[in-house]
Amino acid sequence: MPRFMKMLNNISRSQALFRHSRVPDCDLHPGHYAFALAICREPGRSQEELARELCINKSTVARNLNCLEERGYITREALPNDKRQFSVHPTEKMLAVLPEIRRASDEWMELLSEGIPDDELEVFNSVLERMQKRAREIVERQEDEK
């Protein structure tokens, strides 16, 4: 079986570096772009929801959000029903850089998929979606067993 996990990881890391090079005058780290996109896609989500969506443990999410908050990209508010949980909101600073992040992401996808026929991309995307769903189910099952 091909070692596609390493390849996917390398593609993901390359994308983060590419976006970082395309968003000048920004003090975000390459790993923060996924947070920026997720937070702006659905403002007000909890840190726990972000952890689930990004498949990152809660402590890593908290550290990254601390950094984003210190740099003025997000605000956090304690949830009324659980003061230990916070909802995360983008600031004007985050919203100002968001179009550049999206433009860089779109450019990356165009460059990455250049020369690959649409029908092959559709099959590839379908397989990845099924694998992603299965991966999330496996992790959820493990968490339930704890």
Protein backbone atom coordinates (compact mmCIF):
# COMPACT_ATOMS: atom_id res chain seq x y z
CA MET A 1 0.00 0.00 0.00
CA PRO A 2 1.34 3.46 -0.86
CA ARG A 3 2.48 5.69 1.99
CA PHE A 4 -0.05 8.36 1.16
CA MET A 5 -0.29 9.76 4.71
CA LYS A 6 3.24 11.13 4.47
CA MET A 7 2.45 12.59 1.07
CA LEU A 8 -0.75 14.24 2.32
CA ASN A 9 1.11 15.63 5.32
CA ASN A 10 3.81 17.06 3.06
CA ILE A 11 1.19 18.63 0.79
CA SER A 12 -0.53 20.18 3.80
CA ARG A 13 2.72 21.59 5.20
CA SER A 14 3.70 22.89 1.77
CA GLN A 15 0.33 24.63 1.50
CA ALA A 16 0.88 26.35 4.85
CA LEU A 17 4.30 27.60 3.71
CA PHE A 18 2.90 28.72 0.35
CA ARG A 19 0.07 30.69 1.98
CA HIS A 20 2.54 32.24 4.40
CA SER A 21 4.70 33.47 1.50
CA ARG A 22 1.64 34.93 -0.25
CA VAL A 23 0.29 36.90 2.71
CA PRO A 24 2.89 39.64 3.26
CA ASP A 25 3.08 41.95 6.26
CA CYS A 26 1.24 39.47 8.42
CA ASP A 27 2.48 38.12 11.74
CA LEU A 28 0.56 34.85 11.49
CA HIS A 29 2.54 31.62 11.63
CA PRO A 30 1.97 29.10 8.81
CA GLY A 31 -0.04 26.89 11.18
CA HIS A 32 -2.43 29.74 12.01
CA TYR A 33 -4.03 29.95 8.58
CA ALA A 34 -6.22 26.90 9.16
CA PHE A 35 -7.41 28.51 12.41
CA ALA A 36 -8.14 31.79 10.62
CA LEU A 37 -10.22 30.08 7.95
CA ALA A 38 -12.14 27.94 10.46
CA ILE A 39 -12.83 30.85 12.84
CA CYS A 40 -14.02 33.14 10.05
CA ARG A 41 -16.12 30.41 8.44
CA GLU A 42 -18.15 30.09 11.63
CA PRO A 43 -17.48 32.85 14.18
CA GLY A 44 -18.48 32.16 17.75
CA ARG A 45 -17.63 28.48 17.83
CA SER A 46 -16.12 27.07 20.96
CA GLN A 47 -12.49 26.08 21.28
CA GLU A 48 -13.65 22.48 21.58
CA GLU A 49 -15.52 22.69 18.28
CA LEU A 50 -12.41 24.10 16.62
CA ALA A 51 -10.35 21.25 18.04
CA ARG A 52 -12.78 18.72 16.56
CA GLU A 53 -12.92 20.40 13.14
CA LEU A 54 -9.16 20.82 12.84
CA CYS A 55 -8.40 17.44 14.43
CA ILE A 56 -6.05 19.01 16.94
CA ASN A 57 -5.94 18.37 20.67
CA LYS A 58 -7.46 20.97 22.97
CA SER A 59 -4.20 22.13 24.51
CA THR A 60 -2.71 22.85 21.07
CA VAL A 61 -5.83 24.79 20.12
CA ALA A 62 -5.61 26.79 23.34
CA ARG A 63 -1.93 27.66 22.72
CA ASN A 64 -2.61 28.77 19.16
CA LEU A 65 -5.63 30.81 20.19
CA ASN A 66 -3.57 32.49 22.93
CA CYS A 67 -1.08 33.54 20.27
CA LEU A 68 -3.81 34.78 17.92
CA GLU A 69 -5.44 36.71 20.76
CA GLU A 70 -2.14 38.32 21.83
CA ARG A 71 -1.57 39.45 18.24
CA GLY A 72 -5.06 40.94 17.99
CA TYR A 73 -6.58 38.46 15.52
CA ILE A 74 -9.30 37.01 17.74
CA THR A 75 -11.32 37.65 20.86
CA ARG A 76 -12.66 34.99 23.20
CA GLU A 77 -15.75 35.12 25.36
CA ALA A 78 -16.66 32.72 28.14
CA LEU A 79 -19.75 30.69 27.27
CA PRO A 80 -22.67 31.54 29.54
CA ASN A 81 -23.42 27.91 30.37
CA ASP A 82 -19.77 26.92 31.03
CA LYS A 83 -17.27 29.60 32.05
CA ARG A 84 -14.39 27.20 31.31
CA GLN A 85 -15.32 27.15 27.60
CA PHE A 86 -14.84 30.10 25.25
CA SER A 87 -16.39 31.15 21.98
CA VAL A 88 -13.91 32.48 19.45
CA HIS A 89 -14.51 35.51 17.25
CA PRO A 90 -12.38 37.14 14.53
CA THR A 91 -11.34 40.77 14.98
CA GLU A 92 -11.19 43.41 12.26
CA LYS A 93 -7.49 42.60 11.93
CA MET A 94 -8.33 38.97 11.11
CA LEU A 95 -11.12 39.95 8.72
CA ALA A 96 -8.75 42.34 6.93
CA VAL A 97 -6.22 39.59 6.17
CA LEU A 98 -8.83 36.91 5.39
CA PRO A 99 -9.24 37.77 1.66
CA GLU A 100 -5.47 37.39 1.16
CA ILE A 101 -5.50 34.02 2.93
CA ARG A 102 -8.40 32.82 0.79
CA ARG A 103 -6.75 34.10 -2.39
CA ALA A 104 -3.53 32.25 -1.50
CA SER A 105 -5.49 29.07 -0.75
CA ASP A 106 -7.29 29.27 -4.10
CA GLU A 107 -4.02 29.91 -5.93
CA TRP A 108 -2.46 26.90 -4.18
CA MET A 109 -5.29 24.60 -5.26
CA GLU A 110 -5.05 25.81 -8.85
CA LEU A 111 -1.30 25.22 -8.96
CA LEU A 112 -1.51 21.89 -7.17
CA SER A 113 -4.21 20.45 -9.41
CA GLU A 114 -2.88 21.89 -12.66
CA GLY A 115 -2.82 19.26 -15.40
CA ILE A 116 -4.94 16.75 -13.48
CA PRO A 117 -8.22 15.96 -15.26
CA ASP A 118 -11.42 16.92 -13.42
CA ASP A 119 -12.71 13.35 -13.36
CA GLU A 120 -9.54 12.17 -11.58
CA LEU A 121 -9.82 15.03 -9.07
CA GLU A 122 -13.44 14.07 -8.36
CA VAL A 123 -12.52 10.44 -7.65
CA PHE A 124 -9.58 11.51 -5.50
CA ASN A 125 -11.75 13.94 -3.54
CA SER A 126 -14.44 11.32 -3.03
CA VAL A 127 -11.95 8.78 -1.68
CA LEU A 128 -10.40 11.38 0.65
CA GLU A 129 -13.82 12.41 1.98
CA ARG A 130 -14.64 8.78 2.82
CA MET A 131 -11.27 8.30 4.50
CA GLN A 132 -11.70 11.51 6.47
CA LYS A 133 -15.10 10.38 7.68
CA ARG A 134 -13.70 7.02 8.70
CA ALA A 135 -10.73 8.63 10.48
CA ARG A 136 -13.07 10.83 12.51
CA GLU A 137 -15.24 7.84 13.40
CA ILE A 138 -12.19 5.89 14.60
CA VAL A 139 -11.02 8.78 16.78
CA GLU A 140 -14.52 9.34 18.20
CA ARG A 141 -14.81 5.63 19.00
CA GLN A 142 -11.47 5.77 20.82
CA GLU A 143 -12.59 8.80 22.83
CA ASP A 144 -15.84 7.05 23.76
CA GLU A 145 -13.85 4.05 25.03
CA LYS A 146 -11.90 6.22 27.49
